[in-house]
Amino acid sequence: MGNNGYSIPAIDDLDMACFYHDKCFKGFLADNRSCNAAFLIRLSPIVANNAWNTTKGAYARAAVALFSRFV
């Protein structure tokens, strides 16, 4: 679960969402609004289908909380 980088196939939907976000993310000082918006769309079903008290649900919600500030 989570982000395993580019060289290993994604192991779940959260890992795949992180993979696509990493591919479009241009760095912390760049304009990443469209990249972050696409990430939030990918995270939406993950949040909806995983309870907040699961590891996957907690990580997905943390990503939403962080990246929703930068769209």
N, C-alpha and C. Protein backbone atom coordinates (compact mmCIF):
# COMPACT_ATOMS: atom_id res chain seq x y z
N MET A 1 0.84 -1.17 0.00
CA MET A 1 0.00 0.00 0.00
C MET A 1 0.88 1.24 0.00
N GLY A 2 0.40 2.26 -0.67
CA GLY A 2 1.13 3.51 -0.67
C GLY A 2 1.96 3.70 -1.92
N ASN A 3 3.02 4.45 -1.81
CA ASN A 3 3.84 4.83 -2.94
C ASN A 3 5.12 4.00 -2.98
N ASN A 4 5.24 3.14 -3.98
CA ASN A 4 6.43 2.30 -4.13
C ASN A 4 7.34 2.76 -5.25
N GLY A 5 7.15 3.94 -5.78
CA GLY A 5 8.03 4.46 -6.81
C GLY A 5 7.65 3.98 -8.21
N TYR A 6 8.57 4.20 -9.14
CA TYR A 6 8.31 3.95 -10.56
C TYR A 6 8.71 2.56 -11.03
N SER A 7 9.65 1.92 -10.36
CA SER A 7 10.22 0.68 -10.90
C SER A 7 9.47 -0.58 -10.49
N ILE A 8 8.55 -0.47 -9.58
CA ILE A 8 7.80 -1.62 -9.08
C ILE A 8 6.33 -1.42 -9.46
N PRO A 9 5.67 -2.46 -9.97
CA PRO A 9 4.23 -2.31 -10.28
C PRO A 9 3.43 -1.92 -9.04
N ALA A 10 2.41 -1.11 -9.26
CA ALA A 10 1.55 -0.69 -8.15
C ALA A 10 0.90 -1.90 -7.51
N ILE A 11 0.81 -1.87 -6.19
CA ILE A 11 0.25 -3.02 -5.48
C ILE A 11 -1.22 -2.81 -5.12
N ASP A 12 -1.72 -1.58 -5.24
CA ASP A 12 -3.13 -1.32 -4.95
C ASP A 12 -3.52 0.03 -5.54
N ASP A 13 -4.76 0.41 -5.34
CA ASP A 13 -5.26 1.65 -5.93
C ASP A 13 -4.60 2.90 -5.34
N LEU A 14 -4.25 2.87 -4.07
CA LEU A 14 -3.55 4.01 -3.47
C LEU A 14 -2.16 4.15 -4.06
N ASP A 15 -1.47 3.05 -4.22
CA ASP A 15 -0.14 3.06 -4.82
C ASP A 15 -0.21 3.60 -6.25
N MET A 16 -1.24 3.21 -7.00
CA MET A 16 -1.40 3.69 -8.38
C MET A 16 -1.70 5.19 -8.40
N ALA A 17 -2.53 5.67 -7.49
CA ALA A 17 -2.82 7.10 -7.41
C ALA A 17 -1.55 7.89 -7.12
N CYS A 18 -0.74 7.38 -6.21
CA CYS A 18 0.53 8.04 -5.88
C CYS A 18 1.49 8.01 -7.07
N PHE A 19 1.51 6.91 -7.79
CA PHE A 19 2.36 6.78 -8.97
C PHE A 19 2.04 7.88 -9.99
N TYR A 20 0.76 8.03 -10.31
CA TYR A 20 0.36 9.05 -11.28
C TYR A 20 0.64 10.46 -10.76
N HIS A 21 0.46 10.67 -9.48
CA HIS A 21 0.77 11.99 -8.91
C HIS A 21 2.26 12.27 -9.00
N ASP A 22 3.08 11.29 -8.68
CA ASP A 22 4.53 11.47 -8.79
C ASP A 22 4.95 11.79 -10.22
N LYS A 23 4.28 11.18 -11.20
CA LYS A 23 4.64 11.42 -12.60
C LYS A 23 4.36 12.85 -13.03
N CYS A 24 3.31 13.47 -12.51
CA CYS A 24 2.97 14.82 -12.97
C CYS A 24 3.47 15.91 -12.02
N PHE A 25 3.86 15.56 -10.81
CA PHE A 25 4.30 16.55 -9.83
C PHE A 25 5.63 17.16 -10.28
N LYS A 26 5.69 18.49 -10.33
CA LYS A 26 6.84 19.20 -10.88
C LYS A 26 7.79 19.75 -9.82
N GLY A 27 7.53 19.47 -8.57
CA GLY A 27 8.35 20.02 -7.49
C GLY A 27 7.54 20.97 -6.64
N PHE A 28 8.01 21.20 -5.45
CA PHE A 28 7.22 21.96 -4.47
C PHE A 28 7.06 23.43 -4.82
N LEU A 29 7.93 23.98 -5.62
CA LEU A 29 7.82 25.40 -5.96
C LEU A 29 7.09 25.64 -7.28
N ALA A 30 6.71 24.58 -7.98
CA ALA A 30 6.04 24.70 -9.28
C ALA A 30 4.52 24.73 -9.11
N ASP A 31 3.85 25.06 -10.20
CA ASP A 31 2.38 25.04 -10.22
C ASP A 31 1.91 23.61 -10.46
N ASN A 32 1.39 22.98 -9.44
CA ASN A 32 0.94 21.59 -9.50
C ASN A 32 -0.57 21.47 -9.31
N ARG A 33 -1.30 22.54 -9.52
CA ARG A 33 -2.73 22.51 -9.24
C ARG A 33 -3.47 21.45 -10.03
N SER A 34 -3.22 21.33 -11.32
CA SER A 34 -3.94 20.32 -12.11
C SER A 34 -3.51 18.91 -11.71
N CYS A 35 -2.25 18.74 -11.41
CA CYS A 35 -1.75 17.44 -10.95
C CYS A 35 -2.40 17.05 -9.62
N ASN A 36 -2.45 18.00 -8.71
CA ASN A 36 -3.06 17.73 -7.40
C ASN A 36 -4.56 17.48 -7.52
N ALA A 37 -5.22 18.20 -8.41
CA ALA A 37 -6.66 17.99 -8.60
C ALA A 37 -6.93 16.58 -9.13
N ALA A 38 -6.12 16.12 -10.07
CA ALA A 38 -6.27 14.76 -10.59
C ALA A 38 -6.01 13.74 -9.50
N PHE A 39 -5.04 14.01 -8.65
CA PHE A 39 -4.73 13.12 -7.52
C PHE A 39 -5.93 13.03 -6.58
N LEU A 40 -6.55 14.15 -6.28
CA LEU A 40 -7.71 14.16 -5.40
C LEU A 40 -8.87 13.36 -5.99
N ILE A 41 -9.04 13.44 -7.30
CA ILE A 41 -10.09 12.65 -7.96
C ILE A 41 -9.79 11.16 -7.81
N ARG A 42 -8.53 10.78 -7.98
CA ARG A 42 -8.17 9.37 -7.82
C ARG A 42 -8.31 8.91 -6.37
N LEU A 43 -8.09 9.82 -5.44
CA LEU A 43 -8.18 9.45 -4.02
C LEU A 43 -9.62 9.33 -3.53
N SER A 44 -10.55 9.99 -4.20
CA SER A 44 -11.94 10.03 -3.73
C SER A 44 -12.55 8.65 -3.50
N PRO A 45 -12.48 7.72 -4.46
CA PRO A 45 -13.06 6.39 -4.19
C PRO A 45 -12.29 5.61 -3.14
N ILE A 46 -11.01 5.88 -3.00
CA ILE A 46 -10.21 5.19 -1.98
C ILE A 46 -10.68 5.62 -0.60
N VAL A 47 -10.88 6.92 -0.43
CA VAL A 47 -11.40 7.44 0.84
C VAL A 47 -12.79 6.89 1.10
N ALA A 48 -13.63 6.85 0.07
CA ALA A 48 -15.01 6.39 0.24
C ALA A 48 -15.09 4.92 0.61
N ASN A 49 -14.14 4.13 0.17
CA ASN A 49 -14.21 2.68 0.36
C ASN A 49 -13.31 2.14 1.47
N ASN A 50 -12.61 3.01 2.18
CA ASN A 50 -11.72 2.57 3.25
C ASN A 50 -11.96 3.41 4.50
N ALA A 51 -12.21 2.76 5.59
CA ALA A 51 -12.50 3.45 6.85
C ALA A 51 -11.30 4.30 7.28
N TRP A 52 -11.60 5.35 8.01
CA TRP A 52 -10.55 6.27 8.46
C TRP A 52 -9.55 5.58 9.38
N ASN A 53 -9.98 4.53 10.08
CA ASN A 53 -9.09 3.88 11.05
C ASN A 53 -8.31 2.71 10.45
N THR A 54 -8.32 2.58 9.12
CA THR A 54 -7.44 1.61 8.47
C THR A 54 -6.20 2.35 7.97
N THR A 55 -5.13 1.64 7.77
CA THR A 55 -3.91 2.28 7.28
C THR A 55 -4.14 2.96 5.94
N LYS A 56 -4.77 2.25 5.03
CA LYS A 56 -5.02 2.82 3.70
C LYS A 56 -5.94 4.03 3.79
N GLY A 57 -7.00 3.93 4.57
CA GLY A 57 -7.91 5.05 4.74
C GLY A 57 -7.23 6.26 5.36
N ALA A 58 -6.38 6.02 6.33
CA ALA A 58 -5.67 7.11 7.00
C ALA A 58 -4.70 7.80 6.04
N TYR A 59 -3.94 7.02 5.28
CA TYR A 59 -3.00 7.61 4.32
C TYR A 59 -3.73 8.38 3.23
N ALA A 60 -4.82 7.83 2.73
CA ALA A 60 -5.58 8.52 1.68
C ALA A 60 -6.15 9.83 2.21
N ARG A 61 -6.68 9.82 3.41
CA ARG A 61 -7.24 11.04 3.99
C ARG A 61 -6.15 12.07 4.28
N ALA A 62 -4.99 11.62 4.70
CA ALA A 62 -3.88 12.55 4.93
C ALA A 62 -3.46 13.21 3.62
N ALA A 63 -3.41 12.44 2.54
CA ALA A 63 -3.06 13.01 1.24
C ALA A 63 -4.11 14.02 0.78
N VAL A 64 -5.38 13.70 1.00
CA VAL A 64 -6.45 14.65 0.65
C VAL A 64 -6.30 15.93 1.46
N ALA A 65 -6.06 15.80 2.75
CA ALA A 65 -5.92 16.98 3.61
C ALA A 65 -4.75 17.86 3.16
N LEU A 66 -3.65 17.24 2.77
CA LEU A 66 -2.49 18.00 2.34
C LEU A 66 -2.69 18.63 0.96
N PHE A 67 -3.02 17.81 -0.03
CA PHE A 67 -3.02 18.29 -1.41
C PHE A 67 -4.26 19.09 -1.78
N SER A 68 -5.33 19.01 -1.00
CA SER A 68 -6.50 19.83 -1.30
C SER A 68 -6.21 21.31 -1.03
N ARG A 69 -5.16 21.59 -0.29
CA ARG A 69 -4.77 22.99 -0.04
C ARG A 69 -4.04 23.59 -1.24
N PHE A 70 -3.67 22.75 -2.20
CA PHE A 70 -2.84 23.20 -3.32
C PHE A 70 -3.48 22.91 -4.68
N VAL A 71 -4.77 23.22 -4.81
CA VAL A 71 -5.45 23.07 -6.10
C VAL A 71 -5.96 24.42 -6.59
